[in-house]
Amino acid sequence: MLRKLRAVLGVKGLLCLASLIVVALALVSYTATVTIIPATQFTIGATTATWTIYVNDLDQLRYLPGTGTPAGSQQPGPPSDSNPNTFAFKVVTDSDRVCAVNITLTSAVDGSKFSKFEIRVMWWNSTASAWQDETLYAGPTGSTTKSFINGLTPGDHGYVHHAASLTRYYLIKVTYSYDLVDATTSITVTFQYTPLPQASF
């Protein structure tokens, strides 16, 4: 093989080829390193709570988290990071990212016991020092709103649209009627939140 190259290129040709190889090996190269830093937008608040309800309760309110008597019947006071029992979840966004939070139940409540189980969301207005109703949306983007999430309907869900450059605490509010049976067996309801960071709504 070397003899064939020498015959084709000659000695000078081989020297030129060798020089090109040396130059190619000596080329300057550059590298860039990227440090990837995942940012947390969503913080879960209360993960457990106990509500006391009564047979033939009609259009009653309970909060997650909640205080007062009966258990869960009163809104908490000002939310605080140091006390997860003062908020259901918190969202913090920077200037270039919004966040939609999906809210749903892992399974619908028993329609043979409840005639109503409507889920709404509230947010803490620090200026007014009060919880206020938040708008619920039908999807992670778009302008279609909904009055509530129907906990009696399997898979029904709603979204909170959280704007950019915003810090806000949220509270879950449930309006229920427990008026179909006189059963007093404990009932477990699990709320599921799924944050969906995105560029815009």
Protein backbone atom coordinates (compact mmCIF):
# COMPACT_ATOMS: atom_id res chain seq x y z
CA MET A 1 0.00 0.00 0.00
CA LEU A 2 2.83 2.39 0.96
CA ARG A 3 4.65 1.52 -2.29
CA LYS A 4 1.54 2.34 -4.34
CA LEU A 5 1.15 5.71 -2.56
CA ARG A 6 4.83 6.48 -3.08
CA ALA A 7 4.52 5.60 -6.75
CA VAL A 8 1.45 7.81 -7.19
CA LEU A 9 2.52 10.74 -4.98
CA GLY A 10 6.27 10.52 -5.05
CA VAL A 11 8.44 11.50 -2.11
CA LYS A 12 7.33 15.12 -2.16
CA GLY A 13 3.70 14.11 -2.25
CA LEU A 14 4.13 11.84 0.75
CA LEU A 15 5.85 14.65 2.64
CA CYS A 16 2.99 17.02 1.82
CA LEU A 17 0.44 14.45 2.98
CA ALA A 18 2.35 13.91 6.22
CA SER A 19 2.49 17.69 6.78
CA LEU A 20 -1.29 17.98 6.27
CA ILE A 21 -1.91 15.22 8.81
CA VAL A 22 0.35 16.96 11.35
CA VAL A 23 -1.48 20.28 10.77
CA ALA A 24 -4.87 18.60 11.16
CA LEU A 25 -3.79 17.02 14.44
CA ALA A 26 -2.50 20.39 15.65
CA LEU A 27 -5.77 22.33 15.03
CA VAL A 28 -7.04 24.30 18.02
CA SER A 29 -10.36 23.05 19.45
CA TYR A 30 -12.74 24.63 21.93
CA THR A 31 -15.22 23.17 24.40
CA ALA A 32 -18.22 24.59 26.21
CA THR A 33 -19.71 23.14 29.38
CA VAL A 34 -23.34 23.65 30.31
CA THR A 35 -24.47 23.33 33.91
CA ILE A 36 -28.13 22.30 33.99
CA ILE A 37 -30.00 23.50 37.08
CA PRO A 38 -33.55 22.15 37.54
CA ALA A 39 -35.77 24.78 39.19
CA THR A 40 -38.70 24.04 41.47
CA GLN A 41 -41.89 25.96 40.72
CA PHE A 42 -44.31 23.84 42.74
CA THR A 43 -44.37 23.18 46.48
CA ILE A 44 -46.90 20.84 48.07
CA GLY A 45 -48.55 21.99 51.28
CA ALA A 46 -50.76 19.79 53.44
CA THR A 47 -50.60 16.16 52.34
CA THR A 48 -53.05 14.80 54.93
CA ALA A 49 -56.16 16.20 56.55
CA THR A 50 -59.26 15.02 58.39
CA TRP A 51 -62.73 16.39 57.70
CA THR A 52 -65.76 15.77 59.88
CA ILE A 53 -69.03 15.64 57.93
CA TYR A 54 -72.55 14.72 58.97
CA VAL A 55 -75.38 12.70 57.49
CA ASN A 56 -77.76 15.03 55.64
CA ASP A 57 -75.15 17.78 55.25
CA LEU A 58 -76.36 19.96 52.37
CA ASP A 59 -74.13 22.40 50.48
CA GLN A 60 -71.46 22.43 53.18
CA LEU A 61 -67.89 23.70 52.77
CA ARG A 62 -64.62 22.00 53.66
CA TYR A 63 -61.07 23.19 52.99
CA LEU A 64 -57.73 21.50 52.34
CA PRO A 65 -56.07 22.34 54.55
CA GLY A 66 -58.75 23.40 57.01
CA THR A 67 -59.22 24.28 60.66
CA GLY A 68 -62.05 24.87 63.08
CA THR A 69 -64.93 22.71 64.27
CA PRO A 70 -66.07 20.56 62.62
CA ALA A 71 -62.64 19.64 61.27
CA GLY A 72 -61.86 21.22 57.92
CA SER A 73 -64.70 23.74 58.06
CA GLN A 74 -62.67 26.96 58.30
CA GLN A 75 -60.03 28.49 56.07
CA PRO A 76 -56.50 28.68 57.48
CA GLY A 77 -54.99 32.07 58.21
CA PRO A 78 -52.05 33.57 56.32
CA PRO A 79 -50.03 30.83 54.57
CA SER A 80 -46.42 30.23 55.52
CA ASP A 81 -43.65 28.08 54.04
CA SER A 82 -42.81 26.94 57.56
CA ASN A 83 -46.30 25.51 58.08
CA PRO A 84 -47.61 23.27 55.27
CA ASN A 85 -50.99 23.09 57.02
CA THR A 86 -51.66 26.67 55.92
CA PHE A 87 -51.84 25.98 52.16
CA ALA A 88 -52.63 23.19 49.71
CA PHE A 89 -49.86 24.10 47.26
CA LYS A 90 -47.62 27.01 46.28
CA VAL A 91 -46.35 28.05 42.84
CA VAL A 92 -43.40 30.34 42.13
CA THR A 93 -42.55 31.41 38.57
CA ASP A 94 -39.76 33.52 37.09
CA SER A 95 -40.07 36.06 34.28
CA ASP A 96 -39.95 33.66 31.33
CA ARG A 97 -42.10 30.75 32.46
CA VAL A 98 -45.73 30.28 33.44
CA CYS A 99 -47.19 27.17 35.06
CA ALA A 100 -50.52 25.39 34.68
CA VAL A 101 -51.45 23.10 37.57
CA ASN A 102 -53.79 20.20 36.87
CA ILE A 103 -56.10 19.35 39.77
CA THR A 104 -58.04 16.13 39.83
CA LEU A 105 -59.06 13.30 42.16
CA THR A 106 -57.25 9.99 41.85
CA SER A 107 -60.74 8.45 41.84
CA ALA A 108 -64.23 9.93 41.92
CA VAL A 109 -66.13 10.05 45.22
CA ASP A 110 -68.98 7.59 45.75
CA GLY A 111 -72.08 8.94 44.02
CA SER A 112 -74.27 6.64 46.08
CA LYS A 113 -73.31 8.66 49.19
CA PHE A 114 -72.69 12.19 47.92
CA SER A 115 -75.14 14.07 45.71
CA LYS A 116 -72.61 16.91 45.31
CA PHE A 117 -68.82 17.19 45.48
CA GLU A 118 -67.68 20.38 43.77
CA ILE A 119 -63.98 21.31 43.92
CA ARG A 120 -62.83 24.91 43.62
CA VAL A 121 -59.49 26.63 44.21
CA MET A 122 -58.70 29.78 46.20
CA TRP A 123 -55.55 31.94 46.38
CA TRP A 124 -54.13 34.05 49.18
CA ASN A 125 -54.40 37.79 48.56
CA SER A 126 -51.82 39.28 50.90
CA THR A 127 -53.06 42.83 50.20
CA ALA A 128 -56.57 41.97 51.39
CA SER A 129 -55.32 39.36 53.91
CA ALA A 130 -57.93 36.91 52.64
CA TRP A 131 -58.43 33.84 50.49
CA GLN A 132 -60.13 34.61 47.17
CA ASP A 133 -61.63 32.38 44.48
CA GLU A 134 -59.26 31.43 41.66
CA THR A 135 -60.37 30.95 38.05
CA LEU A 136 -60.41 27.32 36.92
CA TYR A 137 -59.65 26.48 33.29
CA ALA A 138 -60.67 23.47 31.23
CA GLY A 139 -57.16 22.94 29.81
CA PRO A 140 -53.50 23.82 30.42
CA THR A 141 -53.81 26.56 27.76
CA GLY A 142 -56.73 28.43 26.27
CA SER A 143 -59.43 30.65 27.71
CA THR A 144 -62.25 28.17 28.38
CA THR A 145 -63.15 28.30 32.07
CA LYS A 146 -65.21 26.03 34.28
CA SER A 147 -67.15 26.71 37.47
CA PHE A 148 -65.77 23.73 39.39
CA ILE A 149 -64.25 20.26 39.15
CA ASN A 150 -66.96 17.65 39.62
CA GLY A 151 -65.64 15.11 42.09
CA LEU A 152 -68.53 12.77 41.24
CA THR A 153 -67.35 12.42 37.63
CA PRO A 154 -64.40 10.04 37.08
CA GLY A 155 -61.43 11.88 35.58
CA ASP A 156 -62.96 15.35 35.73
CA HIS A 157 -60.25 17.94 36.23
CA GLY A 158 -59.42 21.62 36.10
CA TYR A 159 -56.35 23.81 35.74
CA VAL A 160 -55.00 26.85 37.54
CA HIS A 161 -53.12 29.19 35.17
CA HIS A 162 -50.27 30.70 37.15
CA ALA A 163 -48.67 33.73 35.50
CA ALA A 164 -44.96 34.52 35.10
CA SER A 165 -43.06 36.38 37.85
CA LEU A 166 -45.63 35.41 40.45
CA THR A 167 -45.60 33.73 43.86
CA ARG A 168 -48.96 32.49 45.08
CA TYR A 169 -50.39 30.12 47.69
CA TYR A 170 -53.48 28.05 46.88
CA LEU A 171 -56.25 26.43 48.91
CA ILE A 172 -58.74 23.72 47.93
CA LYS A 173 -62.42 24.40 48.65
CA VAL A 174 -65.06 21.66 48.42
CA THR A 175 -68.83 22.15 48.43
CA TYR A 176 -70.50 18.84 49.19
CA SER A 177 -73.84 17.28 50.07
CA TYR A 178 -73.74 13.99 52.00
CA ASP A 179 -77.43 13.20 51.91
CA LEU A 180 -78.05 9.85 50.23
CA VAL A 181 -77.22 7.33 52.99
CA ASP A 182 -76.67 7.25 56.73
CA ALA A 183 -73.33 5.42 56.45
CA THR A 184 -70.62 6.57 58.88
CA THR A 185 -67.68 4.58 57.50
CA SER A 186 -64.56 6.67 56.86
CA ILE A 187 -64.08 7.88 53.28
CA THR A 188 -60.70 8.58 51.67
CA VAL A 189 -60.39 11.24 48.97
CA THR A 190 -57.03 11.93 47.32
CA PHE A 191 -56.34 15.19 45.48
CA GLN A 192 -53.66 15.05 42.80
CA TYR A 193 -51.76 18.12 41.53
CA THR A 194 -49.63 18.07 38.38
CA PRO A 195 -47.59 21.21 37.59
CA LEU A 196 -46.98 21.86 33.88
CA PRO A 197 -44.37 24.61 33.30
CA GLN A 198 -44.63 26.24 29.88
CA ALA A 199 -43.72 29.38 27.96
CA SER A 200 -47.24 30.79 27.69
CA PHE A 201 -50.92 29.94 27.99
